[in-house]
Amino acid sequence: MPLSVEAITAQHIGDRQEQQDRVAILSSRRIRGAALVVLADGAAALDAGAGAAERGIGRAANLFGAGCRTTKTPKSRPVSPLT
């Protein structure tokens, strides 16, 4: 029986004005069953913290393999699991 994993992401903004952290679940189209979970801390002390976290997620996706599907946690919207 093959291993099956269901994954979701969630975030809590706390007392901050902007959620700068990012999380992504990347599944590979090249390697069947391979997945990578990436968490990028947005460095809230910086004005460009959200952009830095986005670039970190993007870089991880590029390194993990071209053509990966990503599920990111957008601002104020729930994320559906990968199907």
C-alpha atoms as a PDB file:
ATOM      1  CA  MET A   1       0.000   0.000   0.000  1.00  0.00           C
ATOM      2  CA  PRO A   2       1.551   3.357  -1.014  1.00  0.00           C
ATOM      3  CA  LEU A   3       2.065   6.084   1.552  1.00  0.00           C
ATOM      4  CA  SER A   4      -0.551   8.828   1.410  1.00  0.00           C
ATOM      5  CA  VAL A   5      -0.198  12.210   3.103  1.00  0.00           C
ATOM      6  CA  GLU A   6      -2.772  14.973   3.331  1.00  0.00           C
ATOM      7  CA  ALA A   7      -1.379  18.382   4.217  1.00  0.00           C
ATOM      8  CA  ILE A   8      -2.831  21.812   4.853  1.00  0.00           C
ATOM      9  CA  THR A   9      -1.327  25.125   5.898  1.00  0.00           C
ATOM     10  CA  ALA A  10      -2.532  27.827   8.272  1.00  0.00           C
ATOM     11  CA  GLN A  11      -1.204  31.119   9.556  1.00  0.00           C
ATOM     12  CA  HIS A  12      -2.070  33.552  12.344  1.00  0.00           C
ATOM     13  CA  ILE A  13      -1.200  37.217  11.939  1.00  0.00           C
ATOM     14  CA  GLY A  14      -1.015  37.908  15.675  1.00  0.00           C
ATOM     15  CA  ASP A  15      -0.774  41.608  16.515  1.00  0.00           C
ATOM     16  CA  ARG A  16       0.975  42.592  13.282  1.00  0.00           C
ATOM     17  CA  GLN A  17      -0.534  44.755  10.537  1.00  0.00           C
ATOM     18  CA  GLU A  18       0.708  42.528   7.724  1.00  0.00           C
ATOM     19  CA  GLN A  19       1.316  38.779   7.424  1.00  0.00           C
ATOM     20  CA  GLN A  20       4.811  38.617   5.970  1.00  0.00           C
ATOM     21  CA  ASP A  21       5.459  34.929   6.559  1.00  0.00           C
ATOM     22  CA  ARG A  22       4.870  32.514   3.692  1.00  0.00           C
ATOM     23  CA  VAL A  23       4.370  28.771   3.508  1.00  0.00           C
ATOM     24  CA  ALA A  24       4.112  26.511   0.478  1.00  0.00           C
ATOM     25  CA  ILE A  25       3.590  22.841  -0.215  1.00  0.00           C
ATOM     26  CA  LEU A  26       5.409  21.906  -3.411  1.00  0.00           C
ATOM     27  CA  SER A  27       4.713  18.661  -5.221  1.00  0.00           C
ATOM     28  CA  SER A  28       7.045  17.476  -7.924  1.00  0.00           C
ATOM     29  CA  ARG A  29       5.820  16.690 -11.411  1.00  0.00           C
ATOM     30  CA  ARG A  30       9.136  14.974 -12.115  1.00  0.00           C
ATOM     31  CA  ILE A  31       9.304  12.630  -9.130  1.00  0.00           C
ATOM     32  CA  ARG A  32       6.069  10.836  -8.352  1.00  0.00           C
ATOM     33  CA  GLY A  33       5.091  11.222  -4.711  1.00  0.00           C
ATOM     34  CA  ALA A  34       7.833  13.737  -3.877  1.00  0.00           C
ATOM     35  CA  ALA A  35       6.832  16.849  -1.949  1.00  0.00           C
ATOM     36  CA  LEU A  36       8.568  19.688  -0.153  1.00  0.00           C
ATOM     37  CA  VAL A  37       7.132  21.970   2.534  1.00  0.00           C
ATOM     38  CA  VAL A  38       8.745  25.416   2.720  1.00  0.00           C
ATOM     39  CA  LEU A  39       8.312  27.987   5.484  1.00  0.00           C
ATOM     40  CA  ALA A  40       9.745  31.478   4.941  1.00  0.00           C
ATOM     41  CA  ASP A  41       9.872  33.948   7.842  1.00  0.00           C
ATOM     42  CA  GLY A  42       9.073  37.414   6.537  1.00  0.00           C
ATOM     43  CA  ALA A  43      11.456  39.369   8.817  1.00  0.00           C
ATOM     44  CA  ALA A  44       8.747  41.717  10.121  1.00  0.00           C
ATOM     45  CA  ALA A  45      11.275  44.377  11.106  1.00  0.00           C
ATOM     46  CA  LEU A  46      11.909  45.036   7.412  1.00  0.00           C
ATOM     47  CA  ASP A  47       9.570  46.903   5.053  1.00  0.00           C
ATOM     48  CA  ALA A  48      10.229  44.357   2.317  1.00  0.00           C
ATOM     49  CA  GLY A  49       9.858  41.309   4.573  1.00  0.00           C
ATOM     50  CA  ALA A  50       6.892  39.875   2.654  1.00  0.00           C
ATOM     51  CA  GLY A  51       8.745  40.208  -0.641  1.00  0.00           C
ATOM     52  CA  ALA A  52      11.783  38.478   0.828  1.00  0.00           C
ATOM     53  CA  ALA A  53       9.614  35.577   1.991  1.00  0.00           C
ATOM     54  CA  GLU A  54       7.968  35.356  -1.454  1.00  0.00           C
ATOM     55  CA  ARG A  55      11.390  35.232  -3.119  1.00  0.00           C
ATOM     56  CA  GLY A  56      12.453  32.505  -0.704  1.00  0.00           C
ATOM     57  CA  ILE A  57       9.427  30.389  -1.616  1.00  0.00           C
ATOM     58  CA  GLY A  58      10.035  31.034  -5.323  1.00  0.00           C
ATOM     59  CA  ARG A  59      13.693  30.063  -5.041  1.00  0.00           C
ATOM     60  CA  ALA A  60      12.801  26.849  -3.226  1.00  0.00           C
ATOM     61  CA  ALA A  61      10.297  26.000  -5.961  1.00  0.00           C
ATOM     62  CA  ASN A  62      12.940  26.636  -8.636  1.00  0.00           C
ATOM     63  CA  LEU A  63      15.525  24.502  -6.866  1.00  0.00           C
ATOM     64  CA  PHE A  64      13.049  21.691  -6.169  1.00  0.00           C
ATOM     65  CA  GLY A  65      12.301  21.380  -9.840  1.00  0.00           C
ATOM     66  CA  ALA A  66      10.757  23.227 -12.720  1.00  0.00           C
ATOM     67  CA  GLY A  67       7.073  22.602 -13.160  1.00  0.00           C
ATOM     68  CA  CYS A  68       6.211  22.146  -9.482  1.00  0.00           C
ATOM     69  CA  ARG A  69       2.673  22.867  -8.418  1.00  0.00           C
ATOM     70  CA  THR A  70       2.538  25.195  -5.411  1.00  0.00           C
ATOM     71  CA  THR A  71      -0.077  25.863  -2.791  1.00  0.00           C
ATOM     72  CA  LYS A  72       0.603  29.075  -0.943  1.00  0.00           C
ATOM     73  CA  THR A  73      -1.266  30.631   1.927  1.00  0.00           C
ATOM     74  CA  PRO A  74      -2.629  33.872   0.497  1.00  0.00           C
ATOM     75  CA  LYS A  75      -3.607  36.772   2.697  1.00  0.00           C
ATOM     76  CA  SER A  76      -6.974  36.128   4.391  1.00  0.00           C
ATOM     77  CA  ARG A  77      -7.900  33.118   2.256  1.00  0.00           C
ATOM     78  CA  PRO A  78      -7.950  29.427   3.169  1.00  0.00           C
ATOM     79  CA  VAL A  79      -5.733  27.028   1.266  1.00  0.00           C
ATOM     80  CA  SER A  80      -7.079  23.833  -0.228  1.00  0.00           C
ATOM     81  CA  PRO A  81      -4.915  20.725  -0.101  1.00  0.00           C
ATOM     82  CA  LEU A  82      -3.204  19.452  -3.231  1.00  0.00           C
ATOM     83  CA  THR A  83      -5.216  16.898  -5.145  1.00  0.00           C
END
